Amino acid sequence: MLHGETVQSPLPMDLPWWQPDHFIFFGVLYAVLAVLGAGLAYCALKAWMDSKDQAANH
């Protein structure tokens, strides 16, 4: 990718990480997506464990 060229794909291997604005924007974006994904996975696992425990008690 040449300097000044636009980003064609948001995948990490296609980004120009040497440009600070891309590094900050996509770094924060992927960090937020990771936190949301981890929270969603925790809630899904917790709901599955709670429903499994309630099914045994009934």
PDB file of N, CA and C in Angstrom:
ATOM      1  N   MET A   1       0.843  -1.170   0.000  1.00  0.00           N
ATOM      2  CA  MET A   1       0.000   0.000   0.000  1.00  0.00           C
ATOM      3  C   MET A   1       0.890   1.236   0.000  1.00  0.00           C
ATOM      4  N   LEU A   2       0.618   2.138  -0.877  1.00  0.00           N
ATOM      5  CA  LEU A   2       1.381   3.369  -0.993  1.00  0.00           C
ATOM      6  C   LEU A   2       0.842   4.433  -0.047  1.00  0.00           C
ATOM      7  N   HIS A   3       1.707   5.370   0.308  1.00  0.00           N
ATOM      8  CA  HIS A   3       1.298   6.467   1.181  1.00  0.00           C
ATOM      9  C   HIS A   3       0.196   7.281   0.499  1.00  0.00           C
ATOM     10  N   GLY A   4      -0.898   7.528   1.208  1.00  0.00           N
ATOM     11  CA  GLY A   4      -2.014   8.286   0.662  1.00  0.00           C
ATOM     12  C   GLY A   4      -3.075   7.430   0.009  1.00  0.00           C
ATOM     13  N   GLU A   5      -2.816   6.146  -0.147  1.00  0.00           N
ATOM     14  CA  GLU A   5      -3.790   5.243  -0.753  1.00  0.00           C
ATOM     15  C   GLU A   5      -4.868   4.912   0.280  1.00  0.00           C
ATOM     16  N   THR A   6      -6.087   4.715  -0.158  1.00  0.00           N
ATOM     17  CA  THR A   6      -7.179   4.437   0.767  1.00  0.00           C
ATOM     18  C   THR A   6      -7.172   2.973   1.183  1.00  0.00           C
ATOM     19  N   VAL A   7      -7.801   2.710   2.324  1.00  0.00           N
ATOM     20  CA  VAL A   7      -7.887   1.351   2.850  1.00  0.00           C
ATOM     21  C   VAL A   7      -9.007   0.622   2.117  1.00  0.00           C
ATOM     22  N   GLN A   8      -8.703  -0.531   1.573  1.00  0.00           N
ATOM     23  CA  GLN A   8      -9.687  -1.315   0.839  1.00  0.00           C
ATOM     24  C   GLN A   8     -10.323  -2.388   1.716  1.00  0.00           C
ATOM     25  N   SER A   9      -9.666  -2.775   2.796  1.00  0.00           N
ATOM     26  CA  SER A   9     -10.146  -3.856   3.641  1.00  0.00           C
ATOM     27  C   SER A   9      -9.818  -3.530   5.099  1.00  0.00           C
ATOM     28  N   PRO A  10     -10.742  -3.807   6.042  1.00  0.00           N
ATOM     29  CA  PRO A  10     -10.458  -3.537   7.451  1.00  0.00           C
ATOM     30  C   PRO A  10      -9.714  -4.671   8.155  1.00  0.00           C
ATOM     31  N   LEU A  11      -9.279  -5.690   7.420  1.00  0.00           N
ATOM     32  CA  LEU A  11      -8.563  -6.799   8.037  1.00  0.00           C
ATOM     33  C   LEU A  11      -7.182  -6.339   8.500  1.00  0.00           C
ATOM     34  N   PRO A  12      -6.700  -6.870   9.628  1.00  0.00           N
ATOM     35  CA  PRO A  12      -5.423  -6.396  10.179  1.00  0.00           C
ATOM     36  C   PRO A  12      -4.234  -6.539   9.236  1.00  0.00           C
ATOM     37  N   MET A  13      -4.220  -7.572   8.396  1.00  0.00           N
ATOM     38  CA  MET A  13      -3.066  -7.753   7.513  1.00  0.00           C
ATOM     39  C   MET A  13      -3.074  -6.791   6.331  1.00  0.00           C
ATOM     40  N   ASP A  14      -4.185  -6.112   6.089  1.00  0.00           N
ATOM     41  CA  ASP A  14      -4.294  -5.184   4.969  1.00  0.00           C
ATOM     42  C   ASP A  14      -4.137  -3.715   5.363  1.00  0.00           C
ATOM     43  N   LEU A  15      -3.980  -3.431   6.643  1.00  0.00           N
ATOM     44  CA  LEU A  15      -3.927  -2.041   7.102  1.00  0.00           C
ATOM     45  C   LEU A  15      -2.511  -1.487   7.071  1.00  0.00           C
ATOM     46  N   PRO A  16      -2.383  -0.205   6.790  1.00  0.00           N
ATOM     47  CA  PRO A  16      -1.058   0.434   6.843  1.00  0.00           C
ATOM     48  C   PRO A  16      -0.734   0.838   8.286  1.00  0.00           C
ATOM     49  N   TRP A  17      -0.168  -0.072   9.063  1.00  0.00           N
ATOM     50  CA  TRP A  17       0.076   0.183  10.481  1.00  0.00           C
ATOM     51  C   TRP A  17       1.155   1.237  10.711  1.00  0.00           C
ATOM     52  N   TRP A  18       1.921   1.614   9.685  1.00  0.00           N
ATOM     53  CA  TRP A  18       2.959   2.626   9.858  1.00  0.00           C
ATOM     54  C   TRP A  18       2.378   4.029   9.926  1.00  0.00           C
ATOM     55  N   GLN A  19       1.108   4.191   9.578  1.00  0.00           N
ATOM     56  CA  GLN A  19       0.479   5.512   9.657  1.00  0.00           C
ATOM     57  C   GLN A  19      -0.194   5.649  11.027  1.00  0.00           C
ATOM     58  N   PRO A  20       0.196   6.653  11.821  1.00  0.00           N
ATOM     59  CA  PRO A  20      -0.317   6.769  13.184  1.00  0.00           C
ATOM     60  C   PRO A  20      -1.838   6.881  13.272  1.00  0.00           C
ATOM     61  N   ASP A  21      -2.482   7.570  12.339  1.00  0.00           N
ATOM     62  CA  ASP A  21      -3.936   7.714  12.437  1.00  0.00           C
ATOM     63  C   ASP A  21      -4.632   6.374  12.231  1.00  0.00           C
ATOM     64  N   HIS A  22      -4.150   5.560  11.316  1.00  0.00           N
ATOM     65  CA  HIS A  22      -4.723   4.229  11.132  1.00  0.00           C
ATOM     66  C   HIS A  22      -4.443   3.347  12.346  1.00  0.00           C
ATOM     67  N   PHE A  23      -3.232   3.454  12.878  1.00  0.00           N
ATOM     68  CA  PHE A  23      -2.846   2.641  14.029  1.00  0.00           C
ATOM     69  C   PHE A  23      -3.740   2.935  15.230  1.00  0.00           C
ATOM     70  N   ILE A  24      -3.975   4.208  15.511  1.00  0.00           N
ATOM     71  CA  ILE A  24      -4.799   4.586  16.662  1.00  0.00           C
ATOM     72  C   ILE A  24      -6.257   4.193  16.435  1.00  0.00           C
ATOM     73  N   PHE A  25      -6.812   4.539  15.282  1.00  0.00           N
ATOM     74  CA  PHE A  25      -8.225   4.265  15.023  1.00  0.00           C
ATOM     75  C   PHE A  25      -8.516   2.771  15.054  1.00  0.00           C
ATOM     76  N   PHE A  26      -7.773   1.987  14.285  1.00  0.00           N
ATOM     77  CA  PHE A  26      -8.058   0.560  14.225  1.00  0.00           C
ATOM     78  C   PHE A  26      -7.620  -0.163  15.493  1.00  0.00           C
ATOM     79  N   GLY A  27      -6.593   0.331  16.177  1.00  0.00           N
ATOM     80  CA  GLY A  27      -6.206  -0.247  17.460  1.00  0.00           C
ATOM     81  C   GLY A  27      -7.314  -0.110  18.489  1.00  0.00           C
ATOM     82  N   VAL A  28      -7.890   1.088  18.574  1.00  0.00           N
ATOM     83  CA  VAL A  28      -9.003   1.309  19.507  1.00  0.00           C
ATOM     84  C   VAL A  28     -10.235   0.522  19.063  1.00  0.00           C
ATOM     85  N   LEU A  29     -10.503   0.495  17.765  1.00  0.00           N
ATOM     86  CA  LEU A  29     -11.651  -0.257  17.253  1.00  0.00           C
ATOM     87  C   LEU A  29     -11.552  -1.732  17.616  1.00  0.00           C
ATOM     88  N   TYR A  30     -10.392  -2.349  17.364  1.00  0.00           N
ATOM     89  CA  TYR A  30     -10.230  -3.770  17.669  1.00  0.00           C
ATOM     90  C   TYR A  30     -10.229  -4.022  19.176  1.00  0.00           C
ATOM     91  N   ALA A  31      -9.731  -3.083  19.982  1.00  0.00           N
ATOM     92  CA  ALA A  31      -9.776  -3.238  21.436  1.00  0.00           C
ATOM     93  C   ALA A  31     -11.217  -3.208  21.936  1.00  0.00           C
ATOM     94  N   VAL A  32     -12.019  -2.282  21.427  1.00  0.00           N
ATOM     95  CA  VAL A  32     -13.430  -2.198  21.821  1.00  0.00           C
ATOM     96  C   VAL A  32     -14.181  -3.450  21.376  1.00  0.00           C
ATOM     97  N   LEU A  33     -13.934  -3.916  20.161  1.00  0.00           N
ATOM     98  CA  LEU A  33     -14.586  -5.140  19.689  1.00  0.00           C
ATOM     99  C   LEU A  33     -14.177  -6.350  20.527  1.00  0.00           C
ATOM    100  N   ALA A  34     -12.925  -6.402  20.961  1.00  0.00           N
ATOM    101  CA  ALA A  34     -12.467  -7.501  21.808  1.00  0.00           C
ATOM    102  C   ALA A  34     -13.160  -7.469  23.169  1.00  0.00           C
ATOM    103  N   VAL A  35     -13.302  -6.285  23.758  1.00  0.00           N
ATOM    104  CA  VAL A  35     -13.981  -6.164  25.054  1.00  0.00           C
ATOM    105  C   VAL A  35     -15.450  -6.549  24.922  1.00  0.00           C
ATOM    106  N   LEU A  36     -16.119  -6.077  23.873  1.00  0.00           N
ATOM    107  CA  LEU A  36     -17.526  -6.439  23.663  1.00  0.00           C
ATOM    108  C   LEU A  36     -17.683  -7.936  23.410  1.00  0.00           C
ATOM    109  N   GLY A  37     -16.796  -8.517  22.633  1.00  0.00           N
ATOM    110  CA  GLY A  37     -16.851  -9.953  22.367  1.00  0.00           C
ATOM    111  C   GLY A  37     -16.616 -10.770  23.627  1.00  0.00           C
ATOM    112  N   ALA A  38     -15.657 -10.351  24.453  1.00  0.00           N
ATOM    113  CA  ALA A  38     -15.385 -11.057  25.705  1.00  0.00           C
ATOM    114  C   ALA A  38     -16.577 -10.945  26.658  1.00  0.00           C
ATOM    115  N   GLY A  39     -17.192  -9.767  26.733  1.00  0.00           N
ATOM    116  CA  GLY A  39     -18.370  -9.599  27.586  1.00  0.00           C
ATOM    117  C   GLY A  39     -19.546 -10.429  27.114  1.00  0.00           C
ATOM    118  N   LEU A  40     -19.748 -10.479  25.816  1.00  0.00           N
ATOM    119  CA  LEU A  40     -20.829 -11.291  25.260  1.00  0.00           C
ATOM    120  C   LEU A  40     -20.579 -12.774  25.501  1.00  0.00           C
ATOM    121  N   ALA A  41     -19.338 -13.211  25.340  1.00  0.00           N
ATOM    122  CA  ALA A  41     -18.996 -14.613  25.593  1.00  0.00           C
ATOM    123  C   ALA A  41     -19.190 -14.960  27.068  1.00  0.00           C
ATOM    124  N   TYR A  42     -18.802 -14.043  27.972  1.00  0.00           N
ATOM    125  CA  TYR A  42     -19.000 -14.270  29.399  1.00  0.00           C
ATOM    126  C   TYR A  42     -20.482 -14.398  29.735  1.00  0.00           C
ATOM    127  N   CYS A  43     -21.307 -13.499  29.201  1.00  0.00           N
ATOM    128  CA  CYS A  43     -22.744 -13.539  29.472  1.00  0.00           C
ATOM    129  C   CYS A  43     -23.382 -14.805  28.917  1.00  0.00           C
ATOM    130  N   ALA A  44     -22.982 -15.219  27.728  1.00  0.00           N
ATOM    131  CA  ALA A  44     -23.534 -16.438  27.139  1.00  0.00           C
ATOM    132  C   ALA A  44     -23.132 -17.657  27.961  1.00  0.00           C
ATOM    133  N   LEU A  45     -21.869 -17.722  28.381  1.00  0.00           N
ATOM    134  CA  LEU A  45     -21.408 -18.849  29.193  1.00  0.00           C
ATOM    135  C   LEU A  45     -22.096 -18.862  30.550  1.00  0.00           C
ATOM    136  N   LYS A  46     -22.243 -17.696  31.160  1.00  0.00           N
ATOM    137  CA  LYS A  46     -22.916 -17.596  32.464  1.00  0.00           C
ATOM    138  C   LYS A  46     -24.385 -18.007  32.348  1.00  0.00           C
ATOM    139  N   ALA A  47     -25.079 -17.581  31.292  1.00  0.00           N
ATOM    140  CA  ALA A  47     -26.480 -17.962  31.092  1.00  0.00           C
ATOM    141  C   ALA A  47     -26.601 -19.461  30.867  1.00  0.00           C
ATOM    142  N   TRP A  48     -25.668 -20.034  30.102  1.00  0.00           N
ATOM    143  CA  TRP A  48     -25.707 -21.478  29.852  1.00  0.00           C
ATOM    144  C   TRP A  48     -25.464 -22.254  31.144  1.00  0.00           C
ATOM    145  N   MET A  49     -24.507 -21.794  31.965  1.00  0.00           N
ATOM    146  CA  MET A  49     -24.231 -22.474  33.240  1.00  0.00           C
ATOM    147  C   MET A  49     -25.418 -22.345  34.197  1.00  0.00           C
ATOM    148  N   ASP A  50     -26.050 -21.165  34.254  1.00  0.00           N
ATOM    149  CA  ASP A  50     -27.205 -20.973  35.129  1.00  0.00           C
ATOM    150  C   ASP A  50     -28.391 -21.815  34.675  1.00  0.00           C
ATOM    151  N   SER A  51     -28.624 -21.904  33.382  1.00  0.00           N
ATOM    152  CA  SER A  51     -29.743 -22.718  32.901  1.00  0.00           C
ATOM    153  C   SER A  51     -29.470 -24.199  33.126  1.00  0.00           C
ATOM    154  N   LYS A  52     -28.232 -24.604  33.057  1.00  0.00           N
ATOM    155  CA  LYS A  52     -27.864 -25.996  33.319  1.00  0.00           C
ATOM    156  C   LYS A  52     -28.103 -26.340  34.793  1.00  0.00           C
ATOM    157  N   ASP A  53     -27.757 -25.404  35.700  1.00  0.00           N
ATOM    158  CA  ASP A  53     -27.972 -25.621  37.128  1.00  0.00           C
ATOM    159  C   ASP A  53     -29.454 -25.625  37.474  1.00  0.00           C
ATOM    160  N   GLN A  54     -30.252 -24.760  36.863  1.00  0.00           N
ATOM    161  CA  GLN A  54     -31.684 -24.713  37.145  1.00  0.00           C
ATOM    162  C   GLN A  54     -32.392 -25.951  36.616  1.00  0.00           C
ATOM    163  N   ALA A  55     -31.949 -26.499  35.511  1.00  0.00           N
ATOM    164  CA  ALA A  55     -32.572 -27.698  34.959  1.00  0.00           C
ATOM    165  C   ALA A  55     -32.354 -28.885  35.885  1.00  0.00           C
ATOM    166  N   ALA A  56     -31.239 -28.944  36.576  1.00  0.00           N
ATOM    167  CA  ALA A  56     -30.958 -30.043  37.500  1.00  0.00           C
ATOM    168  C   ALA A  56     -31.770 -29.894  38.783  1.00  0.00           C
ATOM    169  N   ASN A  57     -32.122 -28.668  39.164  1.00  0.00           N
ATOM    170  CA  ASN A  57     -32.859 -28.432  40.405  1.00  0.00           C
ATOM    171  C   ASN A  57     -34.358 -28.647  40.250  1.00  0.00           C
ATOM    172  N   HIS A  58     -34.871 -28.680  39.050  1.00  0.00           N
ATOM    173  CA  HIS A  58     -36.316 -28.803  38.867  1.00  0.00           C
ATOM    174  C   HIS A  58     -36.735 -30.212  38.781  1.00  0.00           C
TER     175      HIS A  58
END
